């Protein structure tokens, strides 16, 4: 049953957003996201919390994009190494450049 002012539903939705952020940073496989249904207007006392979550989501998106780009560079470096050759040939990786 819905609470009269919608506060309980909003608190649950915000808690799920916070949990999703923690899972993303902990590299836990995400659960498919389902948007909250029929929340109505956010109660004024929850606006600041929601704003903090939005800011944290934006930060997490930037962080995960940086990680993705770094991983792509590492994969490109590994793929650039020629296939194994017969004989002893040293192979060096330039991890900085």
C-alpha atoms as a PDB file:
ATOM      1  CA  UNK A   1       0.000   0.000   0.000  1.00  0.00           C
ATOM      2  CA  UNK A   2       1.328   3.410  -0.929  1.00  0.00           C
ATOM      3  CA  UNK A   3       2.085   5.902   1.788  1.00  0.00           C
ATOM      4  CA  UNK A   4      -0.150   8.999   1.727  1.00  0.00           C
ATOM      5  CA  UNK A   5       2.681  11.449   1.011  1.00  0.00           C
ATOM      6  CA  UNK A   6       4.787   9.088  -1.132  1.00  0.00           C
ATOM      7  CA  UNK A   7       7.758   9.415   1.212  1.00  0.00           C
ATOM      8  CA  UNK A   8       8.239   5.666   1.801  1.00  0.00           C
ATOM      9  CA  UNK A   9       8.181   4.945  -1.921  1.00  0.00           C
ATOM     10  CA  UNK A  10      10.676   7.723  -2.625  1.00  0.00           C
ATOM     11  CA  UNK A  11      12.965   6.551   0.168  1.00  0.00           C
ATOM     12  CA  UNK A  12      12.934   3.039  -1.311  1.00  0.00           C
ATOM     13  CA  UNK A  13      13.648   4.370  -4.823  1.00  0.00           C
ATOM     14  CA  UNK A  14      16.538   6.507  -3.549  1.00  0.00           C
ATOM     15  CA  UNK A  15      17.933   3.571  -1.555  1.00  0.00           C
ATOM     16  CA  UNK A  16      17.913   1.435  -4.718  1.00  0.00           C
ATOM     17  CA  UNK A  17      19.760   4.199  -6.619  1.00  0.00           C
ATOM     18  CA  UNK A  18      22.369   4.333  -3.849  1.00  0.00           C
ATOM     19  CA  UNK A  19      22.722   0.538  -3.867  1.00  0.00           C
ATOM     20  CA  UNK A  20      23.163   0.549  -7.664  1.00  0.00           C
ATOM     21  CA  UNK A  21      25.969   3.102  -7.342  1.00  0.00           C
ATOM     22  CA  UNK A  22      27.745   1.010  -4.717  1.00  0.00           C
ATOM     23  CA  UNK A  23      27.367  -2.107  -6.872  1.00  0.00           C
ATOM     24  CA  UNK A  24      28.808  -0.301  -9.910  1.00  0.00           C
ATOM     25  CA  UNK A  25      31.865   0.794  -7.952  1.00  0.00           C
ATOM     26  CA  UNK A  26      32.259  -2.689  -6.435  1.00  0.00           C
ATOM     27  CA  UNK A  27      32.091  -4.194  -9.950  1.00  0.00           C
ATOM     28  CA  UNK A  28      29.081  -6.295  -9.054  1.00  0.00           C
ATOM     29  CA  UNK A  29      27.035  -7.434 -12.037  1.00  0.00           C
ATOM     30  CA  UNK A  30      24.116  -5.045 -12.325  1.00  0.00           C
ATOM     31  CA  UNK A  31      20.537  -6.083 -11.876  1.00  0.00           C
ATOM     32  CA  UNK A  32      18.417  -4.836 -14.773  1.00  0.00           C
ATOM     33  CA  UNK A  33      17.094  -1.418 -13.819  1.00  0.00           C
ATOM     34  CA  UNK A  34      13.368  -0.880 -13.577  1.00  0.00           C
ATOM     35  CA  UNK A  35      12.194   2.683 -13.094  1.00  0.00           C
ATOM     36  CA  UNK A  36      10.052   3.355 -10.054  1.00  0.00           C
ATOM     37  CA  UNK A  37       6.363   3.452 -10.838  1.00  0.00           C
ATOM     38  CA  UNK A  38       3.900   6.123  -9.745  1.00  0.00           C
ATOM     39  CA  UNK A  39       6.091   7.923  -7.233  1.00  0.00           C
ATOM     40  CA  UNK A  40       4.451  11.273  -7.646  1.00  0.00           C
ATOM     41  CA  UNK A  41       6.261  14.466  -6.652  1.00  0.00           C
ATOM     42  CA  UNK A  42       9.336  14.057  -4.482  1.00  0.00           C
ATOM     43  CA  UNK A  43       8.785  15.162  -0.888  1.00  0.00           C
ATOM     44  CA  UNK A  44      10.721  18.376  -0.191  1.00  0.00           C
ATOM     45  CA  UNK A  45      12.740  16.780   2.622  1.00  0.00           C
ATOM     46  CA  UNK A  46      14.188  14.236   0.126  1.00  0.00           C
ATOM     47  CA  UNK A  47      15.271  16.734  -2.558  1.00  0.00           C
ATOM     48  CA  UNK A  48      18.794  17.203  -1.163  1.00  0.00           C
ATOM     49  CA  UNK A  49      19.339  13.444  -0.946  1.00  0.00           C
ATOM     50  CA  UNK A  50      18.147  13.008  -4.524  1.00  0.00           C
ATOM     51  CA  UNK A  51      20.491  15.793  -5.676  1.00  0.00           C
ATOM     52  CA  UNK A  52      23.441  14.072  -3.953  1.00  0.00           C
ATOM     53  CA  UNK A  53      22.540  10.803  -5.678  1.00  0.00           C
ATOM     54  CA  UNK A  54      22.389  12.528  -9.072  1.00  0.00           C
ATOM     55  CA  UNK A  55      25.826  14.047  -8.441  1.00  0.00           C
ATOM     56  CA  UNK A  56      27.203  10.660  -7.350  1.00  0.00           C
ATOM     57  CA  UNK A  57      25.740   9.022 -10.460  1.00  0.00           C
ATOM     58  CA  UNK A  58      27.427  11.587 -12.706  1.00  0.00           C
ATOM     59  CA  UNK A  59      30.748  11.045 -10.890  1.00  0.00           C
ATOM     60  CA  UNK A  60      30.390   7.259 -11.196  1.00  0.00           C
ATOM     61  CA  UNK A  61      29.610   7.527 -14.914  1.00  0.00           C
ATOM     62  CA  UNK A  62      32.771   9.612 -15.454  1.00  0.00           C
ATOM     63  CA  UNK A  63      34.847   7.181 -13.386  1.00  0.00           C
ATOM     64  CA  UNK A  64      33.540   4.115 -15.223  1.00  0.00           C
ATOM     65  CA  UNK A  65      34.141   5.802 -18.589  1.00  0.00           C
ATOM     66  CA  UNK A  66      37.756   6.498 -17.563  1.00  0.00           C
ATOM     67  CA  UNK A  67      38.158   2.850 -16.545  1.00  0.00           C
ATOM     68  CA  UNK A  68      36.638   1.723 -19.858  1.00  0.00           C
ATOM     69  CA  UNK A  69      39.012   3.926 -21.859  1.00  0.00           C
ATOM     70  CA  UNK A  70      42.047   2.733 -19.891  1.00  0.00           C
ATOM     71  CA  UNK A  71      41.006  -0.876 -20.385  1.00  0.00           C
ATOM     72  CA  UNK A  72      40.569  -0.284 -24.128  1.00  0.00           C
ATOM     73  CA  UNK A  73      44.116   1.143 -24.313  1.00  0.00           C
ATOM     74  CA  UNK A  74      45.508  -1.863 -22.461  1.00  0.00           C
ATOM     75  CA  UNK A  75      43.684  -4.263 -24.772  1.00  0.00           C
ATOM     76  CA  UNK A  76      44.993  -2.403 -27.819  1.00  0.00           C
ATOM     77  CA  UNK A  77      48.551  -2.706 -26.468  1.00  0.00           C
ATOM     78  CA  UNK A  78      48.165  -6.434 -25.865  1.00  0.00           C
ATOM     79  CA  UNK A  79      46.678  -6.968 -29.324  1.00  0.00           C
ATOM     80  CA  UNK A  80      49.601  -5.081 -30.881  1.00  0.00           C
ATOM     81  CA  UNK A  81      52.059  -7.724 -29.673  1.00  0.00           C
ATOM     82  CA  UNK A  82      52.949 -10.044 -32.562  1.00  0.00           C
ATOM     83  CA  UNK A  83      52.094 -13.711 -32.321  1.00  0.00           C
ATOM     84  CA  UNK A  84      54.640 -15.930 -30.627  1.00  0.00           C
ATOM     85  CA  UNK A  85      57.654 -16.680 -32.766  1.00  0.00           C
ATOM     86  CA  UNK A  86      60.009 -19.597 -32.663  1.00  0.00           C
ATOM     87  CA  UNK A  87      63.100 -18.736 -30.667  1.00  0.00           C
ATOM     88  CA  UNK A  88      63.866 -16.409 -27.831  1.00  0.00           C
ATOM     89  CA  UNK A  89      62.776 -12.871 -28.684  1.00  0.00           C
ATOM     90  CA  UNK A  90      62.290 -10.364 -25.910  1.00  0.00           C
ATOM     91  CA  UNK A  91      58.967  -8.548 -25.858  1.00  0.00           C
ATOM     92  CA  UNK A  92      58.563  -5.198 -24.124  1.00  0.00           C
ATOM     93  CA  UNK A  93      55.389  -3.347 -23.237  1.00  0.00           C
ATOM     94  CA  UNK A  94      55.342   0.426 -22.967  1.00  0.00           C
ATOM     95  CA  UNK A  95      52.725   0.762 -20.232  1.00  0.00           C
ATOM     96  CA  UNK A  96      53.273   4.491 -19.821  1.00  0.00           C
ATOM     97  CA  UNK A  97      53.067   5.685 -23.409  1.00  0.00           C
END
